[in-house]
Structure formats: structure tokens, C-alpha cells
N, C-alpha and C. Protein backbone atom coordinates (compact mmCIF):
# COMPACT_ATOMS: atom_id res chain seq x y z
N PRO A 1 -3.38 -48.19 29.70
CA PRO A 1 -4.45 -48.16 30.55
C PRO A 1 -5.78 -47.56 30.45
N LYS A 2 -6.42 -48.53 31.27
CA LYS A 2 -7.82 -48.60 30.73
C LYS A 2 -8.40 -47.47 31.69
N HIS A 3 -8.13 -47.00 32.56
CA HIS A 3 -8.81 -45.94 33.57
C HIS A 3 -8.20 -44.40 33.48
N SER A 4 -8.67 -43.44 33.38
CA SER A 4 -8.21 -42.01 33.47
C SER A 4 -7.77 -41.74 35.08
N VAL A 5 -6.64 -40.87 35.39
CA VAL A 5 -6.70 -40.35 36.93
C VAL A 5 -7.74 -39.23 37.15
N SER A 6 -8.53 -38.97 36.42
CA SER A 6 -9.54 -37.90 36.65
C SER A 6 -10.38 -38.86 37.23
N ASN A 7 -11.00 -39.94 36.62
CA ASN A 7 -12.03 -40.85 36.73
C ASN A 7 -11.63 -41.44 38.52
N LEU A 8 -10.74 -42.06 38.26
CA LEU A 8 -10.06 -42.53 39.76
C LEU A 8 -10.11 -41.41 41.02
N VAL A 9 -9.64 -40.20 40.94
CA VAL A 9 -9.66 -39.33 41.81
C VAL A 9 -11.00 -39.10 42.23
N GLY A 10 -12.07 -38.93 40.85
CA GLY A 10 -13.61 -38.39 41.29
C GLY A 10 -14.04 -40.16 41.89
N LYS A 11 -13.91 -40.90 41.80
CA LYS A 11 -14.78 -42.08 42.43
C LYS A 11 -13.97 -42.16 44.01
N LEU A 12 -12.77 -41.73 44.02
CA LEU A 12 -11.95 -42.19 45.66
C LEU A 12 -12.75 -41.03 46.70
N LYS A 13 -12.74 -39.39 45.89
CA LYS A 13 -12.99 -38.63 46.33
C LYS A 13 -14.78 -38.47 46.99
N GLY A 14 -15.70 -39.20 45.53
CA GLY A 14 -16.79 -39.56 45.88
C GLY A 14 -16.83 -40.26 46.88
N LYS A 15 -16.64 -41.43 46.89
CA LYS A 15 -16.57 -42.99 47.86
C LYS A 15 -16.31 -42.58 49.29
N SER A 16 -15.19 -41.42 49.66
CA SER A 16 -14.95 -41.32 50.79
C SER A 16 -15.38 -40.28 51.52
N SER A 17 -16.22 -39.59 50.67
CA SER A 17 -16.80 -38.89 51.46
C SER A 17 -18.06 -39.10 51.53
N TYR A 18 -18.75 -39.87 50.83
CA TYR A 18 -19.88 -40.88 51.23
C TYR A 18 -19.48 -41.29 52.61
N VAL A 19 -18.65 -42.29 52.50
CA VAL A 19 -18.29 -42.72 53.69
C VAL A 19 -18.24 -42.01 55.19
N LEU A 20 -17.32 -40.92 55.26
CA LEU A 20 -17.16 -40.50 55.84
C LEU A 20 -18.46 -39.59 56.36
N ARG A 21 -19.06 -38.85 55.96
CA ARG A 21 -20.31 -38.61 55.97
C ARG A 21 -20.93 -39.63 56.68
N ARG A 22 -21.58 -40.78 56.43
CA ARG A 22 -22.38 -41.90 56.82
C ARG A 22 -21.54 -42.38 58.25
N SER A 23 -20.42 -42.23 58.41
CA SER A 23 -19.83 -42.55 59.33
C SER A 23 -19.12 -41.81 60.28
N PHE A 24 -19.41 -40.62 59.91
CA PHE A 24 -18.27 -39.63 61.06
C PHE A 24 -18.85 -38.12 60.95
N TRP A 25 -20.69 -37.72 60.39
CA TRP A 25 -21.33 -36.72 59.88
C TRP A 25 -21.29 -35.46 61.23
N ASP A 26 -21.46 -36.31 62.57
CA ASP A 26 -21.55 -35.17 64.10
C ASP A 26 -19.58 -34.52 64.29
N GLU A 27 -18.62 -35.25 63.82
CA GLU A 27 -17.35 -34.94 63.61
C GLU A 27 -16.99 -34.03 62.43
N VAL A 28 -17.09 -34.09 61.28
CA VAL A 28 -17.44 -33.57 60.27
C VAL A 28 -18.19 -32.18 59.87
N LYS A 29 -18.83 -32.56 60.45
CA LYS A 29 -20.38 -31.41 60.09
C LYS A 29 -19.45 -29.63 59.71
N GLU A 30 -18.63 -29.54 60.72
CA GLU A 30 -18.30 -28.17 61.20
C GLU A 30 -17.13 -28.24 60.41
N LYS A 31 -16.81 -28.80 59.95
CA LYS A 31 -15.07 -28.88 59.37
C LYS A 31 -15.35 -28.79 57.93
N LEU A 32 -16.63 -28.79 57.13
CA LEU A 32 -16.28 -28.78 55.46
C LEU A 32 -16.43 -27.55 55.17
N TRP A 33 -15.60 -27.75 53.66
CA TRP A 33 -15.59 -26.20 53.28
C TRP A 33 -16.60 -26.13 52.22
N GLY A 34 -17.79 -25.41 52.86
CA GLY A 34 -18.73 -25.00 52.51
C GLY A 34 -19.72 -26.32 52.42
N ASN A 35 -20.12 -26.47 51.95
CA ASN A 35 -21.42 -28.04 52.03
C ASN A 35 -20.39 -29.46 51.38
N HIS A 36 -18.66 -29.03 51.05
CA HIS A 36 -18.20 -30.42 50.08
C HIS A 36 -17.37 -30.73 51.18
N PHE A 37 -17.05 -31.72 51.26
CA PHE A 37 -16.02 -32.52 51.87
C PHE A 37 -14.32 -32.30 51.16
N TRP A 38 -14.99 -32.44 49.67
CA TRP A 38 -13.47 -32.46 49.57
C TRP A 38 -13.39 -30.82 48.32
N SER A 39 -12.11 -30.62 47.62
CA SER A 39 -12.29 -29.37 46.70
C SER A 39 -12.21 -29.96 45.60
N PRO A 40 -12.91 -28.89 44.39
CA PRO A 40 -13.42 -29.98 43.20
C PRO A 40 -12.06 -30.44 42.35
N SER A 41 -10.99 -29.51 42.91
CA SER A 41 -9.96 -30.26 41.99
C SER A 41 -8.98 -30.74 42.86
N TYR A 42 -7.84 -31.69 41.66
CA TYR A 42 -6.96 -32.20 42.29
C TYR A 42 -5.79 -31.89 41.62
N CYS A 43 -4.68 -32.44 42.15
CA CYS A 43 -3.46 -32.39 41.90
C CYS A 43 -2.59 -33.98 41.32
N VAL A 44 -2.28 -33.84 40.44
CA VAL A 44 -1.20 -35.59 40.30
C VAL A 44 0.53 -34.99 39.84
N VAL A 45 1.28 -35.57 40.29
CA VAL A 45 2.70 -34.87 39.79
C VAL A 45 3.69 -36.14 39.95
N SER A 46 4.87 -36.36 39.22
CA SER A 46 5.51 -36.81 39.16
C SER A 46 6.74 -36.65 39.83
N CYS A 47 7.16 -37.35 40.79
CA CYS A 47 8.80 -37.09 41.21
C CYS A 47 9.66 -37.61 40.93
N GLY A 48 9.65 -37.85 39.82
CA GLY A 48 11.02 -38.30 39.27
C GLY A 48 12.15 -38.86 39.81
N GLY A 49 11.66 -40.27 40.31
CA GLY A 49 12.50 -40.92 41.54
C GLY A 49 13.13 -39.92 42.72
N ALA A 50 12.46 -39.00 43.15
CA ALA A 50 13.00 -38.32 44.52
C ALA A 50 12.58 -39.33 45.56
N SER A 51 13.57 -39.23 46.88
CA SER A 51 13.26 -40.11 47.56
C SER A 51 12.00 -39.50 48.64
N LEU A 52 11.96 -40.44 49.22
CA LEU A 52 10.41 -39.88 50.27
C LEU A 52 10.67 -39.00 51.55
N GLU A 53 11.81 -38.53 51.16
CA GLU A 53 11.92 -37.60 52.33
C GLU A 53 11.97 -36.42 51.41
N VAL A 54 12.55 -35.99 50.64
CA VAL A 54 12.50 -34.72 49.23
C VAL A 54 11.20 -34.96 49.10
N VAL A 55 10.20 -35.84 48.56
CA VAL A 55 8.83 -35.55 48.68
C VAL A 55 8.07 -34.82 49.62
N LYS A 56 8.31 -35.59 51.10
CA LYS A 56 7.89 -35.28 51.93
C LYS A 56 7.42 -33.90 52.62
N LYS A 57 9.16 -33.20 52.44
CA LYS A 57 9.37 -31.93 52.40
C LYS A 57 8.92 -30.96 51.42
N TYR A 58 8.73 -31.71 50.21
CA TYR A 58 7.97 -30.14 49.58
C TYR A 58 6.41 -30.84 49.76
N ILE A 59 5.71 -31.37 50.12
CA ILE A 59 4.47 -31.36 50.50
C ILE A 59 4.05 -30.86 51.77
N GLU A 60 5.02 -30.93 52.95
CA GLU A 60 5.19 -29.96 54.20
C GLU A 60 5.18 -28.33 53.72
N ASN A 61 6.54 -27.97 52.94
CA ASN A 61 6.08 -26.85 52.37
C ASN A 61 5.29 -26.03 51.59
N GLN A 62 4.27 -27.10 51.32
CA GLN A 62 3.12 -26.27 50.72
C GLN A 62 1.84 -25.61 51.29
N ARG A 63 2.42 -25.80 53.06
CA ARG A 63 1.32 -25.23 53.99
C ARG A 63 2.07 -23.62 53.76
N THR A 64 3.09 -23.16 53.44
CA THR A 64 3.62 -21.89 53.86
C THR A 64 2.75 -21.28 52.80
N PRO A 65 2.13 -20.03 53.20
CA PRO A 65 1.61 -19.07 52.10
C PRO A 65 2.53 -18.63 51.00
N THR A 66 2.84 -18.31 49.92
CA THR A 66 3.19 -18.15 48.83
C THR A 66 4.22 -17.22 49.34
N SER A 67 3.65 -15.79 49.75
CA SER A 67 4.12 -14.57 50.16
C SER A 67 5.20 -14.87 51.16
N ASP A 68 5.29 -15.80 52.10
CA ASP A 68 6.04 -16.20 53.04
C ASP A 68 7.30 -16.40 52.39
N LYS A 69 7.27 -17.35 51.71
CA LYS A 69 8.30 -18.31 50.80
C LYS A 69 9.17 -17.17 50.10
N ASN A 70 8.29 -15.89 49.62
CA ASN A 70 9.03 -15.29 48.62
C ASN A 70 10.11 -14.15 49.23
N ALA A 71 9.49 -13.88 50.38
CA ALA A 71 10.02 -13.18 51.77
C ALA A 71 11.06 -13.75 51.71
N LYS A 72 11.20 -14.93 52.21
CA LYS A 72 12.07 -15.80 52.80
C LYS A 72 13.39 -15.80 51.73
N LYS A 73 12.86 -16.01 50.28
CA LYS A 73 13.73 -15.97 49.76
C LYS A 73 14.60 -14.91 49.28
N SER A 74 13.84 -14.04 49.05
CA SER A 74 13.95 -12.50 49.01
C SER A 74 15.48 -12.19 49.90
N LYS A 75 15.17 -12.76 51.30
CA LYS A 75 16.45 -12.78 52.46
C LYS A 75 17.11 -12.63 52.27
N SER A 76 16.95 -14.17 51.61
CA SER A 76 18.22 -15.21 51.58
C SER A 76 19.46 -14.56 50.18
N LEU A 77 18.44 -14.07 49.16
CA LEU A 77 19.13 -13.62 48.16
C LEU A 77 19.83 -11.91 48.49
N LYS A 78 19.56 -11.47 49.75
CA LYS A 78 19.95 -9.98 49.92
C LYS A 78 21.17 -10.04 50.64
N LYS A 79 21.21 -11.30 51.49
CA LYS A 79 22.67 -11.58 52.02
C LYS A 79 23.92 -12.10 51.39
N SER A 80 23.23 -12.39 50.21
CA SER A 80 24.35 -13.44 49.21
C SER A 80 25.30 -12.09 48.52
């Protein structure tokens, strides 16, 4: 590879922020994270050949706070 993942992500976030701010400023200005369009961090993972449905379910599950996940896991373990 000639380009690093971090460089690619930085360029995607920078250019998309620029375009969205320029084109949709009135719609997005109240929804910004502080004065930032994107979080300064990013995550890159490999799914090891998992199906799209498995990956989708994993991503959707990220919306649940960790404490809620742990509570559900504890309840299911107590039933066993």
C-alpha cells in the first residue's frame, strides 16, 4: 500500500466536513460536536469474512451503552 489508513481517513473527514459545511451549514451548525464535524478519532477493523448481516448487527449494537449490555448479559447468565 502506498497510503496509510490514517492519512485516508484524515482526508475523507477533512474534505467531507468542508463540503458539508459549505453546502449545508444552516442545517448542520446546531448539530456539531462542539465546533467539530467529526470526532478526532476513528476505528478500522477487519471482519474476517463475517457476513454483512453479522457486521450490521454488530454496528447497530454499538448504540447500546456498555452498562445496558452488561446488565442484559448478567441477567441471561443468572437464568442459566
